[in-house]
PDB file of N, CA and C in Angstrom:
ATOM      1  N   MET A   1       1.935 -18.378  34.915  1.00  0.00           N
ATOM      2  CA  MET A   1       1.954 -17.071  34.281  1.00  0.00           C
ATOM      3  C   MET A   1       0.526 -16.678  33.926  1.00  0.00           C
ATOM      4  N   GLN A   2       0.151 -15.481  34.295  1.00  0.00           N
ATOM      5  CA  GLN A   2      -1.160 -14.944  33.984  1.00  0.00           C
ATOM      6  C   GLN A   2      -1.070 -14.156  32.681  1.00  0.00           C
ATOM      7  N   ARG A   3      -1.805 -14.578  31.676  1.00  0.00           N
ATOM      8  CA  ARG A   3      -1.784 -13.901  30.374  1.00  0.00           C
ATOM      9  C   ARG A   3      -2.943 -12.906  30.292  1.00  0.00           C
ATOM     10  N   GLU A   4      -2.649 -11.734  29.742  1.00  0.00           N
ATOM     11  CA  GLU A   4      -3.677 -10.725  29.551  1.00  0.00           C
ATOM     12  C   GLU A   4      -4.507 -11.064  28.317  1.00  0.00           C
ATOM     13  N   ILE A   5      -5.704 -10.512  28.271  1.00  0.00           N
ATOM     14  CA  ILE A   5      -6.562 -10.654  27.102  1.00  0.00           C
ATOM     15  C   ILE A   5      -6.732  -9.264  26.512  1.00  0.00           C
ATOM     16  N   TYR A   6      -6.259  -9.093  25.280  1.00  0.00           N
ATOM     17  CA  TYR A   6      -6.366  -7.817  24.582  1.00  0.00           C
ATOM     18  C   TYR A   6      -7.486  -7.918  23.553  1.00  0.00           C
ATOM     19  N   THR A   7      -8.337  -6.909  23.490  1.00  0.00           N
ATOM     20  CA  THR A   7      -9.414  -6.861  22.514  1.00  0.00           C
ATOM     21  C   THR A   7      -9.147  -5.704  21.558  1.00  0.00           C
ATOM     22  N   ILE A   8      -9.150  -6.014  20.268  1.00  0.00           N
ATOM     23  CA  ILE A   8      -8.872  -5.006  19.242  1.00  0.00           C
ATOM     24  C   ILE A   8     -10.064  -4.928  18.303  1.00  0.00           C
ATOM     25  N   ASP A   9     -10.481  -3.708  18.001  1.00  0.00           N
ATOM     26  CA  ASP A   9     -11.553  -3.482  17.041  1.00  0.00           C
ATOM     27  C   ASP A   9     -10.923  -3.243  15.666  1.00  0.00           C
ATOM     28  N   ALA A  10     -11.276  -4.075  14.700  1.00  0.00           N
ATOM     29  CA  ALA A  10     -10.657  -4.015  13.375  1.00  0.00           C
ATOM     30  C   ALA A  10     -11.418  -3.121  12.401  1.00  0.00           C
ATOM     31  N   THR A  11     -12.381  -2.357  12.871  1.00  0.00           N
ATOM     32  CA  THR A  11     -13.174  -1.514  11.988  1.00  0.00           C
ATOM     33  C   THR A  11     -12.300  -0.453  11.328  1.00  0.00           C
ATOM     34  N   GLU A  12     -12.344  -0.397   9.998  1.00  0.00           N
ATOM     35  CA  GLU A  12     -11.637   0.591   9.179  1.00  0.00           C
ATOM     36  C   GLU A  12     -10.128   0.587   9.412  1.00  0.00           C
ATOM     37  N   GLN A  13      -9.535  -0.564   9.657  1.00  0.00           N
ATOM     38  CA  GLN A  13      -8.089  -0.678   9.782  1.00  0.00           C
ATOM     39  C   GLN A  13      -7.582  -1.549   8.636  1.00  0.00           C
ATOM     40  N   SER A  14      -6.413  -1.219   8.134  1.00  0.00           N
ATOM     41  CA  SER A  14      -5.829  -2.025   7.069  1.00  0.00           C
ATOM     42  C   SER A  14      -5.242  -3.297   7.675  1.00  0.00           C
ATOM     43  N   PRO A  15      -5.219  -4.398   6.931  1.00  0.00           N
ATOM     44  CA  PRO A  15      -4.745  -5.670   7.488  1.00  0.00           C
ATOM     45  C   PRO A  15      -3.296  -5.640   7.958  1.00  0.00           C
ATOM     46  N   GLY A  16      -2.422  -4.938   7.252  1.00  0.00           N
ATOM     47  CA  GLY A  16      -1.017  -4.907   7.625  1.00  0.00           C
ATOM     48  C   GLY A  16      -0.763  -4.167   8.922  1.00  0.00           C
ATOM     49  N   ARG A  17      -1.376  -3.015   9.082  1.00  0.00           N
ATOM     50  CA  ARG A  17      -1.183  -2.237  10.308  1.00  0.00           C
ATOM     51  C   ARG A  17      -1.824  -2.928  11.503  1.00  0.00           C
ATOM     52  N   LEU A  18      -2.944  -3.583  11.254  1.00  0.00           N
ATOM     53  CA  LEU A  18      -3.588  -4.352  12.308  1.00  0.00           C
ATOM     54  C   LEU A  18      -2.710  -5.534  12.721  1.00  0.00           C
ATOM     55  N   ALA A  19      -2.085  -6.181  11.733  1.00  0.00           N
ATOM     56  CA  ALA A  19      -1.248  -7.357  12.008  1.00  0.00           C
ATOM     57  C   ALA A  19      -0.009  -6.991  12.819  1.00  0.00           C
ATOM     58  N   THR A  20       0.553  -5.803  12.616  1.00  0.00           N
ATOM     59  CA  THR A  20       1.720  -5.416  13.400  1.00  0.00           C
ATOM     60  C   THR A  20       1.363  -5.242  14.877  1.00  0.00           C
ATOM     61  N   LYS A  21       0.185  -4.669  15.145  1.00  0.00           N
ATOM     62  CA  LYS A  21      -0.256  -4.529  16.534  1.00  0.00           C
ATOM     63  C   LYS A  21      -0.475  -5.898  17.178  1.00  0.00           C
ATOM     64  N   ILE A  22      -1.110  -6.789  16.425  1.00  0.00           N
ATOM     65  CA  ILE A  22      -1.413  -8.114  16.953  1.00  0.00           C
ATOM     66  C   ILE A  22      -0.132  -8.894  17.211  1.00  0.00           C
ATOM     67  N   ALA A  23       0.824  -8.853  16.272  1.00  0.00           N
ATOM     68  CA  ALA A  23       2.078  -9.598  16.427  1.00  0.00           C
ATOM     69  C   ALA A  23       2.862  -9.092  17.633  1.00  0.00           C
ATOM     70  N   THR A  24       2.833  -7.793  17.876  1.00  0.00           N
ATOM     71  CA  THR A  24       3.517  -7.226  19.040  1.00  0.00           C
ATOM     72  C   THR A  24       2.906  -7.752  20.339  1.00  0.00           C
ATOM     73  N   LEU A  25       1.572  -7.815  20.394  1.00  0.00           N
ATOM     74  CA  LEU A  25       0.909  -8.287  21.607  1.00  0.00           C
ATOM     75  C   LEU A  25       1.100  -9.786  21.810  1.00  0.00           C
ATOM     76  N   LEU A  26       1.091 -10.556  20.728  1.00  0.00           N
ATOM     77  CA  LEU A  26       1.271 -12.009  20.843  1.00  0.00           C
ATOM     78  C   LEU A  26       2.672 -12.374  21.325  1.00  0.00           C
ATOM     79  N   GLN A  27       3.665 -11.570  20.958  1.00  0.00           N
ATOM     80  CA  GLN A  27       5.038 -11.837  21.383  1.00  0.00           C
ATOM     81  C   GLN A  27       5.329 -11.304  22.779  1.00  0.00           C
ATOM     82  N   GLY A  28       4.524 -10.362  23.252  1.00  0.00           N
ATOM     83  CA  GLY A  28       4.770  -9.759  24.554  1.00  0.00           C
ATOM     84  C   GLY A  28       5.762  -8.622  24.494  1.00  0.00           C
ATOM     85  N   LYS A  29       5.956  -8.035  23.316  1.00  0.00           N
ATOM     86  CA  LYS A  29       6.920  -6.947  23.170  1.00  0.00           C
ATOM     87  C   LYS A  29       6.453  -5.654  23.840  1.00  0.00           C
ATOM     88  N   ASN A  30       5.202  -5.606  24.250  1.00  0.00           N
ATOM     89  CA  ASN A  30       4.696  -4.421  24.926  1.00  0.00           C
ATOM     90  C   ASN A  30       5.029  -4.416  26.417  1.00  0.00           C
ATOM     91  N   LYS A  31       5.641  -5.486  26.906  1.00  0.00           N
ATOM     92  CA  LYS A  31       5.973  -5.602  28.324  1.00  0.00           C
ATOM     93  C   LYS A  31       7.413  -5.162  28.575  1.00  0.00           C
ATOM     94  N   PRO A  32       7.691  -4.614  29.758  1.00  0.00           N
ATOM     95  CA  PRO A  32       9.051  -4.136  30.030  1.00  0.00           C
ATOM     96  C   PRO A  32      10.084  -5.253  30.193  1.00  0.00           C
ATOM     97  N   ASP A  33       9.657  -6.471  30.512  1.00  0.00           N
ATOM     98  CA  ASP A  33      10.596  -7.565  30.708  1.00  0.00           C
ATOM     99  C   ASP A  33      10.657  -8.503  29.498  1.00  0.00           C
ATOM    100  N   TRP A  34      10.423  -7.969  28.314  1.00  0.00           N
ATOM    101  CA  TRP A  34      10.413  -8.785  27.091  1.00  0.00           C
ATOM    102  C   TRP A  34      11.805  -9.321  26.772  1.00  0.00           C
ATOM    103  N   SER A  35      11.844 -10.573  26.359  1.00  0.00           N
ATOM    104  CA  SER A  35      13.063 -11.151  25.795  1.00  0.00           C
ATOM    105  C   SER A  35      12.627 -12.142  24.729  1.00  0.00           C
ATOM    106  N   PRO A  36      13.429 -12.332  23.682  1.00  0.00           N
ATOM    107  CA  PRO A  36      12.973 -13.118  22.531  1.00  0.00           C
ATOM    108  C   PRO A  36      12.722 -14.591  22.843  1.00  0.00           C
ATOM    109  N   GLU A  37      13.369 -15.140  23.843  1.00  0.00           N
ATOM    110  CA  GLU A  37      13.203 -16.566  24.111  1.00  0.00           C
ATOM    111  C   GLU A  37      12.004 -16.873  25.001  1.00  0.00           C
ATOM    112  N   LYS A  38      11.408 -15.843  25.621  1.00  0.00           N
ATOM    113  CA  LYS A  38      10.252 -16.049  26.490  1.00  0.00           C
ATOM    114  C   LYS A  38       8.970 -15.920  25.696  1.00  0.00           C
ATOM    115  N   ASP A  39       7.994 -16.717  26.066  1.00  0.00           N
ATOM    116  CA  ASP A  39       6.672 -16.610  25.461  1.00  0.00           C
ATOM    117  C   ASP A  39       5.755 -15.940  26.478  1.00  0.00           C
ATOM    118  N   ALA A  40       5.828 -14.629  26.543  1.00  0.00           N
ATOM    119  CA  ALA A  40       5.112 -13.882  27.573  1.00  0.00           C
ATOM    120  C   ALA A  40       3.946 -13.088  27.012  1.00  0.00           C
ATOM    121  N   GLY A  41       3.551 -13.356  25.784  1.00  0.00           N
ATOM    122  CA  GLY A  41       2.465 -12.611  25.166  1.00  0.00           C
ATOM    123  C   GLY A  41       1.116 -13.024  25.704  1.00  0.00           C
ATOM    124  N   GLY A  42       0.112 -12.251  25.363  1.00  0.00           N
ATOM    125  CA  GLY A  42      -1.239 -12.514  25.841  1.00  0.00           C
ATOM    126  C   GLY A  42      -2.146 -13.002  24.729  1.00  0.00           C
ATOM    127  N   PHE A  43      -3.406 -13.182  25.074  1.00  0.00           N
ATOM    128  CA  PHE A  43      -4.426 -13.557  24.107  1.00  0.00           C
ATOM    129  C   PHE A  43      -4.907 -12.301  23.399  1.00  0.00           C
ATOM    130  N   VAL A  44      -5.183 -12.403  22.112  1.00  0.00           N
ATOM    131  CA  VAL A  44      -5.675 -11.265  21.343  1.00  0.00           C
ATOM    132  C   VAL A  44      -6.998 -11.654  20.708  1.00  0.00           C
ATOM    133  N   HIS A  45      -8.051 -10.909  21.040  1.00  0.00           N
ATOM    134  CA  HIS A  45      -9.366 -11.127  20.468  1.00  0.00           C
ATOM    135  C   HIS A  45      -9.656  -9.985  19.496  1.00  0.00           C
ATOM    136  N   ILE A  46     -10.042 -10.331  18.276  1.00  0.00           N
ATOM    137  CA  ILE A  46     -10.310  -9.344  17.232  1.00  0.00           C
ATOM    138  C   ILE A  46     -11.809  -9.262  16.994  1.00  0.00           C
ATOM    139  N   GLN A  47     -12.337  -8.044  17.041  1.00  0.00           N
ATOM    140  CA  GLN A  47     -13.750  -7.815  16.772  1.00  0.00           C
ATOM    141  C   GLN A  47     -13.910  -7.099  15.439  1.00  0.00           C
ATOM    142  N   ASN A  48     -15.044  -7.296  14.807  1.00  0.00           N
ATOM    143  CA  ASN A  48     -15.428  -6.611  13.557  1.00  0.00           C
ATOM    144  C   ASN A  48     -14.385  -6.813  12.462  1.00  0.00           C
ATOM    145  N   VAL A  49     -13.890  -8.028  12.316  1.00  0.00           N
ATOM    146  CA  VAL A  49     -12.868  -8.281  11.300  1.00  0.00           C
ATOM    147  C   VAL A  49     -13.453  -8.186   9.890  1.00  0.00           C
ATOM    148  N   ASP A  50     -14.761  -8.315   9.763  1.00  0.00           N
ATOM    149  CA  ASP A  50     -15.388  -8.206   8.442  1.00  0.00           C
ATOM    150  C   ASP A  50     -15.457  -6.770   7.946  1.00  0.00           C
ATOM    151  N   LYS A  51     -15.076  -5.794   8.777  1.00  0.00           N
ATOM    152  CA  LYS A  51     -15.093  -4.383   8.383  1.00  0.00           C
ATOM    153  C   LYS A  51     -13.690  -3.847   8.114  1.00  0.00           C
ATOM    154  N   LEU A  52     -12.779  -4.721   7.676  1.00  0.00           N
ATOM    155  CA  LEU A  52     -11.418  -4.293   7.332  1.00  0.00           C
ATOM    156  C   LEU A  52     -11.446  -3.316   6.167  1.00  0.00           C
ATOM    157  N   LYS A  53     -10.455  -2.447   6.132  1.00  0.00           N
ATOM    158  CA  LYS A  53     -10.357  -1.484   5.039  1.00  0.00           C
ATOM    159  C   LYS A  53      -9.343  -2.010   4.023  1.00  0.00           C
ATOM    160  N   ILE A  54      -9.828  -2.374   2.837  1.00  0.00           N
ATOM    161  CA  ILE A  54      -8.977  -2.822   1.741  1.00  0.00           C
ATOM    162  C   ILE A  54      -9.027  -1.734   0.672  1.00  0.00           C
ATOM    163  N   THR A  55      -7.873  -1.107   0.402  1.00  0.00           N
ATOM    164  CA  THR A  55      -7.845   0.007  -0.541  1.00  0.00           C
ATOM    165  C   THR A  55      -7.380  -0.455  -1.910  1.00  0.00           C
ATOM    166  N   GLY A  56      -7.663   0.377  -2.890  1.00  0.00           N
ATOM    167  CA  GLY A  56      -7.187   0.112  -4.244  1.00  0.00           C
ATOM    168  C   GLY A  56      -7.833  -1.108  -4.870  1.00  0.00           C
ATOM    169  N   ASN A  57      -7.079  -1.784  -5.723  1.00  0.00           N
ATOM    170  CA  ASN A  57      -7.578  -2.941  -6.459  1.00  0.00           C
ATOM    171  C   ASN A  57      -7.060  -4.248  -5.848  1.00  0.00           C
ATOM    172  N   LYS A  58      -6.728  -4.212  -4.551  1.00  0.00           N
ATOM    173  CA  LYS A  58      -6.122  -5.385  -3.919  1.00  0.00           C
ATOM    174  C   LYS A  58      -7.046  -6.592  -3.914  1.00  0.00           C
ATOM    175  N   LYS A  59      -8.342  -6.377  -3.757  1.00  0.00           N
ATOM    176  CA  LYS A  59      -9.277  -7.506  -3.726  1.00  0.00           C
ATOM    177  C   LYS A  59      -9.150  -8.373  -4.975  1.00  0.00           C
ATOM    178  N   ASN A  60      -8.951  -7.748  -6.121  1.00  0.00           N
ATOM    179  CA  ASN A  60      -8.903  -8.491  -7.381  1.00  0.00           C
ATOM    180  C   ASN A  60      -7.490  -8.770  -7.866  1.00  0.00           C
ATOM    181  N   ALA A  61      -6.473  -8.143  -7.282  1.00  0.00           N
ATOM    182  CA  ALA A  61      -5.121  -8.267  -7.815  1.00  0.00           C
ATOM    183  C   ALA A  61      -4.137  -8.971  -6.876  1.00  0.00           C
ATOM    184  N   LYS A  62      -4.322  -8.858  -5.573  1.00  0.00           N
ATOM    185  CA  LYS A  62      -3.348  -9.436  -4.635  1.00  0.00           C
ATOM    186  C   LYS A  62      -3.481 -10.953  -4.601  1.00  0.00           C
ATOM    187  N   MET A  63      -2.335 -11.616  -4.764  1.00  0.00           N
ATOM    188  CA  MET A  63      -2.302 -13.084  -4.781  1.00  0.00           C
ATOM    189  C   MET A  63      -1.601 -13.592  -3.524  1.00  0.00           C
ATOM    190  N   TYR A  64      -2.101 -14.673  -2.988  1.00  0.00           N
ATOM    191  CA  TYR A  64      -1.476 -15.386  -1.878  1.00  0.00           C
ATOM    192  C   TYR A  64      -0.988 -16.724  -2.412  1.00  0.00           C
ATOM    193  N   TYR A  65       0.298 -17.005  -2.204  1.00  0.00           N
ATOM    194  CA  TYR A  65       0.910 -18.208  -2.742  1.00  0.00           C
ATOM    195  C   TYR A  65       1.220 -19.194  -1.631  1.00  0.00           C
ATOM    196  N   ASN A  66       1.103 -20.485  -1.963  1.00  0.00           N
ATOM    197  CA  ASN A  66       1.442 -21.547  -1.041  1.00  0.00           C
ATOM    198  C   ASN A  66       2.038 -22.689  -1.849  1.00  0.00           C
ATOM    199  N   HIS A  67       3.152 -23.237  -1.405  1.00  0.00           N
ATOM    200  CA  HIS A  67       3.799 -24.333  -2.123  1.00  0.00           C
ATOM    201  C   HIS A  67       3.869 -25.550  -1.221  1.00  0.00           C
ATOM    202  N   SER A  68       3.507 -26.700  -1.768  1.00  0.00           N
ATOM    203  CA  SER A  68       3.475 -27.930  -0.982  1.00  0.00           C
ATOM    204  C   SER A  68       4.855 -28.549  -0.823  1.00  0.00           C
ATOM    205  N   GLY A  69       5.813 -28.142  -1.628  1.00  0.00           N
ATOM    206  CA  GLY A  69       7.142 -28.717  -1.576  1.00  0.00           C
ATOM    207  C   GLY A  69       7.371 -29.755  -2.656  1.00  0.00           C
ATOM    208  N   TYR A  70       6.336 -30.123  -3.344  1.00  0.00           N
ATOM    209  CA  TYR A  70       6.436 -31.092  -4.431  1.00  0.00           C
ATOM    210  C   TYR A  70       6.457 -30.367  -5.766  1.00  0.00           C
ATOM    211  N   PRO A  71       7.016 -30.975  -6.812  1.00  0.00           N
ATOM    212  CA  PRO A  71       7.006 -30.333  -8.130  1.00  0.00           C
ATOM    213  C   PRO A  71       5.570 -30.073  -8.587  1.00  0.00           C
ATOM    214  N   GLY A  72       5.332 -28.861  -9.032  1.00  0.00           N
ATOM    215  CA  GLY A  72       3.987 -28.481  -9.477  1.00  0.00           C
ATOM    216  C   GLY A  72       3.041 -28.202  -8.328  1.00  0.00           C
ATOM    217  N   GLY A  73       3.550 -28.030  -7.124  1.00  0.00           N
ATOM    218  CA  GLY A  73       2.711 -27.861  -5.948  1.00  0.00           C
ATOM    219  C   GLY A  73       2.421 -26.425  -5.580  1.00  0.00           C
ATOM    220  N   LEU A  74       2.619 -25.478  -6.498  1.00  0.00           N
ATOM    221  CA  LEU A  74       2.350 -24.073  -6.204  1.00  0.00           C
ATOM    222  C   LEU A  74       0.856 -23.808  -6.352  1.00  0.00           C
ATOM    223  N   ARG A  75       0.263 -23.296  -5.276  1.00  0.00           N
ATOM    224  CA  ARG A  75      -1.146 -22.930  -5.314  1.00  0.00           C
ATOM    225  C   ARG A  75      -1.256 -21.436  -5.067  1.00  0.00           C
ATOM    226  N   SER A  76      -2.173 -20.794  -5.753  1.00  0.00           N
ATOM    227  CA  SER A  76      -2.356 -19.358  -5.572  1.00  0.00           C
ATOM    228  C   SER A  76      -3.837 -19.050  -5.437  1.00  0.00           C
ATOM    229  N   ARG A  77      -4.138 -18.062  -4.589  1.00  0.00           N
ATOM    230  CA  ARG A  77      -5.511 -17.631  -4.384  1.00  0.00           C
ATOM    231  C   ARG A  77      -5.544 -16.111  -4.376  1.00  0.00           C
ATOM    232  N   LEU A  78      -6.633 -15.552  -4.886  1.00  0.00           N
ATOM    233  CA  LEU A  78      -6.833 -14.110  -4.843  1.00  0.00           C
ATOM    234  C   LEU A  78      -7.342 -13.700  -3.472  1.00  0.00           C
ATOM    235  N   MET A  79      -7.172 -12.425  -3.140  1.00  0.00           N
ATOM    236  CA  MET A  79      -7.635 -11.920  -1.852  1.00  0.00           C
ATOM    237  C   MET A  79      -9.150 -12.042  -1.719  1.00  0.00           C
ATOM    238  N   LYS A  80      -9.869 -11.892  -2.826  1.00  0.00           N
ATOM    239  CA  LYS A  80     -11.331 -11.958  -2.737  1.00  0.00           C
ATOM    240  C   LYS A  80     -11.832 -13.371  -2.456  1.00  0.00           C
ATOM    241  N   GLU A  81     -10.977 -14.390  -2.639  1.00  0.00           N
ATOM    242  CA  GLU A  81     -11.363 -15.770  -2.346  1.00  0.00           C
ATOM    243  C   GLU A  81     -11.186 -16.116  -0.872  1.00  0.00           C
ATOM    244  N   LEU A  82     -10.467 -15.281  -0.129  1.00  0.00           N
ATOM    245  CA  LEU A  82     -10.203 -15.532   1.283  1.00  0.00           C
ATOM    246  C   LEU A  82     -11.205 -14.797   2.158  1.00  0.00           C
ATOM    247  N   THR A  83     -11.429 -15.326   3.349  1.00  0.00           N
ATOM    248  CA  THR A  83     -12.258 -14.625   4.326  1.00  0.00           C
ATOM    249  C   THR A  83     -11.401 -13.571   5.023  1.00  0.00           C
ATOM    250  N   PRO A  84     -12.014 -12.556   5.628  1.00  0.00           N
ATOM    251  CA  PRO A  84     -11.224 -11.550   6.351  1.00  0.00           C
ATOM    252  C   PRO A  84     -10.396 -12.156   7.484  1.00  0.00           C
ATOM    253  N   GLU A  85     -10.904 -13.201   8.120  1.00  0.00           N
ATOM    254  CA  GLU A  85     -10.142 -13.870   9.179  1.00  0.00           C
ATOM    255  C   GLU A  85      -8.867 -14.487   8.632  1.00  0.00           C
ATOM    256  N   GLU A  86      -8.959 -15.115   7.462  1.00  0.00           N
ATOM    257  CA  GLU A  86      -7.785 -15.722   6.844  1.00  0.00           C
ATOM    258  C   GLU A  86      -6.761 -14.666   6.441  1.00  0.00           C
ATOM    259  N   ILE A  87      -7.224 -13.541   5.943  1.00  0.00           N
ATOM    260  CA  ILE A  87      -6.320 -12.464   5.526  1.00  0.00           C
ATOM    261  C   ILE A  87      -5.515 -11.960   6.717  1.00  0.00           C
ATOM    262  N   VAL A  88      -6.189 -11.714   7.839  1.00  0.00           N
ATOM    263  CA  VAL A  88      -5.495 -11.216   9.033  1.00  0.00           C
ATOM    264  C   VAL A  88      -4.574 -12.289   9.598  1.00  0.00           C
ATOM    265  N   GLU A  89      -5.029 -13.535   9.627  1.00  0.00           N
ATOM    266  CA  GLU A  89      -4.202 -14.607  10.192  1.00  0.00           C
ATOM    267  C   GLU A  89      -2.937 -14.840   9.372  1.00  0.00           C
ATOM    268  N   ILE A  90      -3.034 -14.768   8.052  1.00  0.00           N
ATOM    269  CA  ILE A  90      -1.848 -14.919   7.200  1.00  0.00           C
ATOM    270  C   ILE A  90      -0.876 -13.775   7.444  1.00  0.00           C
ATOM    271  N   ALA A  91      -1.404 -12.545   7.555  1.00  0.00           N
ATOM    272  CA  ALA A  91      -0.542 -11.385   7.777  1.00  0.00           C
ATOM    273  C   ALA A  91       0.167 -11.479   9.126  1.00  0.00           C
ATOM    274  N   VAL A  92      -0.550 -11.886  10.173  1.00  0.00           N
ATOM    275  CA  VAL A  92       0.057 -12.011  11.501  1.00  0.00           C
ATOM    276  C   VAL A  92       1.077 -13.134  11.512  1.00  0.00           C
ATOM    277  N   ASN A  93       0.744 -14.256  10.889  1.00  0.00           N
ATOM    278  CA  ASN A  93       1.642 -15.410  10.860  1.00  0.00           C
ATOM    279  C   ASN A  93       2.955 -15.067  10.164  1.00  0.00           C
ATOM    280  N   ASN A  94       2.898 -14.266   9.119  1.00  0.00           N
ATOM    281  CA  ASN A  94       4.114 -13.869   8.418  1.00  0.00           C
ATOM    282  C   ASN A  94       4.931 -12.845   9.197  1.00  0.00           C
ATOM    283  N   MET A  95       4.314 -12.136  10.146  1.00  0.00           N
ATOM    284  CA  MET A  95       5.039 -11.136  10.929  1.00  0.00           C
ATOM    285  C   MET A  95       5.662 -11.711  12.196  1.00  0.00           C
ATOM    286  N   LEU A  96       5.230 -12.900  12.596  1.00  0.00           N
ATOM    287  CA  LEU A  96       5.832 -13.532  13.778  1.00  0.00           C
ATOM    288  C   LEU A  96       7.170 -14.142  13.403  1.00  0.00           C
ATOM    289  N   PRO A  97       8.096 -14.235  14.348  1.00  0.00           N
ATOM    290  CA  PRO A  97       9.392 -14.853  14.055  1.00  0.00           C
ATOM    291  C   PRO A  97       9.220 -16.317  13.669  1.00  0.00           C
ATOM    292  N   LYS A  98      10.044 -16.763  12.741  1.00  0.00           N
ATOM    293  CA  LYS A  98       9.956 -18.130  12.241  1.00  0.00           C
ATOM    294  C   LYS A  98      10.750 -19.050  13.168  1.00  0.00           C
ATOM    295  N   ASN A  99      10.151 -19.418  14.306  1.00  0.00           N
ATOM    296  CA  ASN A  99      10.805 -20.301  15.262  1.00  0.00           C
ATOM    297  C   ASN A  99       9.767 -21.227  15.891  1.00  0.00           C
ATOM    298  N   LYS A 100      10.158 -21.965  16.917  1.00  0.00           N
ATOM    299  CA  LYS A 100       9.278 -22.953  17.525  1.00  0.00           C
ATOM    300  C   LYS A 100       8.083 -22.341  18.244  1.00  0.00           C
ATOM    301  N   LEU A 101       8.169 -21.080  18.616  1.00  0.00           N
ATOM    302  CA  LEU A 101       7.086 -20.424  19.337  1.00  0.00           C
ATOM    303  C   LEU A 101       5.999 -19.883  18.416  1.00  0.00           C
ATOM    304  N   ARG A 102       6.255 -19.878  17.117  1.00  0.00           N
ATOM    305  CA  ARG A 102       5.318 -19.273  16.170  1.00  0.00           C
ATOM    306  C   ARG A 102       3.944 -19.937  16.216  1.00  0.00           C
ATOM    307  N   SER A 103       3.886 -21.259  16.156  1.00  0.00           N
ATOM    308  CA  SER A 103       2.589 -21.945  16.145  1.00  0.00           C
ATOM    309  C   SER A 103       1.879 -21.819  17.489  1.00  0.00           C
ATOM    310  N   ILE A 104       2.628 -21.745  18.567  1.00  0.00           N
ATOM    311  CA  ILE A 104       2.030 -21.577  19.891  1.00  0.00           C
ATOM    312  C   ILE A 104       1.413 -20.189  20.011  1.00  0.00           C
ATOM    313  N   ARG A 105       2.104 -19.194  19.494  1.00  0.00           N
ATOM    314  CA  ARG A 105       1.611 -17.814  19.584  1.00  0.00           C
ATOM    315  C   ARG A 105       0.389 -17.589  18.709  1.00  0.00           C
ATOM    316  N   ILE A 106       0.369 -18.157  17.510  1.00  0.00           N
ATOM    317  CA  ILE A 106      -0.745 -17.906  16.590  1.00  0.00           C
ATOM    318  C   ILE A 106      -2.035 -18.557  17.105  1.00  0.00           C
ATOM    319  N   LYS A 107      -1.911 -19.559  17.971  1.00  0.00           N
ATOM    320  CA  LYS A 107      -3.105 -20.187  18.548  1.00  0.00           C
ATOM    321  C   LYS A 107      -3.812 -19.279  19.536  1.00  0.00           C
ATOM    322  N   ARG A 108      -3.122 -18.262  20.038  1.00  0.00           N
ATOM    323  CA  ARG A 108      -3.727 -17.323  20.980  1.00  0.00           C
ATOM    324  C   ARG A 108      -4.479 -16.203  20.282  1.00  0.00           C
ATOM    325  N   LEU A 109      -4.557 -16.236  18.965  1.00  0.00           N
ATOM    326  CA  LEU A 109      -5.309 -15.246  18.197  1.00  0.00           C
ATOM    327  C   LEU A 109      -6.715 -15.770  17.975  1.00  0.00           C
ATOM    328  N   LYS A 110      -7.728 -15.034  18.431  1.00  0.00           N
ATOM    329  CA  LYS A 110      -9.110 -15.442  18.318  1.00  0.00           C
ATOM    330  C   LYS A 110      -9.912 -14.336  17.628  1.00  0.00           C
ATOM    331  N   PHE A 111     -10.898 -14.761  16.843  1.00  0.00           N
ATOM    332  CA  PHE A 111     -11.786 -13.824  16.170  1.00  0.00           C
ATOM    333  C   PHE A 111     -13.157 -13.906  16.823  1.00  0.00           C
ATOM    334  N   VAL A 112     -13.634 -12.759  17.334  1.00  0.00           N
ATOM    335  CA  VAL A 112     -14.895 -12.701  18.052  1.00  0.00           C
ATOM    336  C   VAL A 112     -15.930 -12.046  17.151  1.00  0.00           C
ATOM    337  N   LYS A 113     -17.103 -12.589  17.147  1.00  0.00           N
ATOM    338  CA  LYS A 113     -18.190 -12.018  16.331  1.00  0.00           C
ATOM    339  C   LYS A 113     -18.899 -10.921  17.080  1.00  0.00           C
TER     340      LYS A 113
END
């Protein structure tokens, strides 16, 4: 299978709207022969991710939570503590279906300087 390489410019785009475009391309939903069990998506290269548009007070107020599964294992980080690459990757990862193909698809996401 020949996979396409899509290049997206992240300048002045919000992370959520950018993540929906990326998740669609990683799953291959833009192709006419799409089906949920096939992994027909392409590679997605993101440029200018450091120029994301974050509106409002999200930098200081938005929290990202992660739990280890153990008692007392809840960790939280503010958006300003994360890099722009991490913000986009978390958003895309949460938009992909929670199945065996998720980790394979997220590996095809690359950030280009």
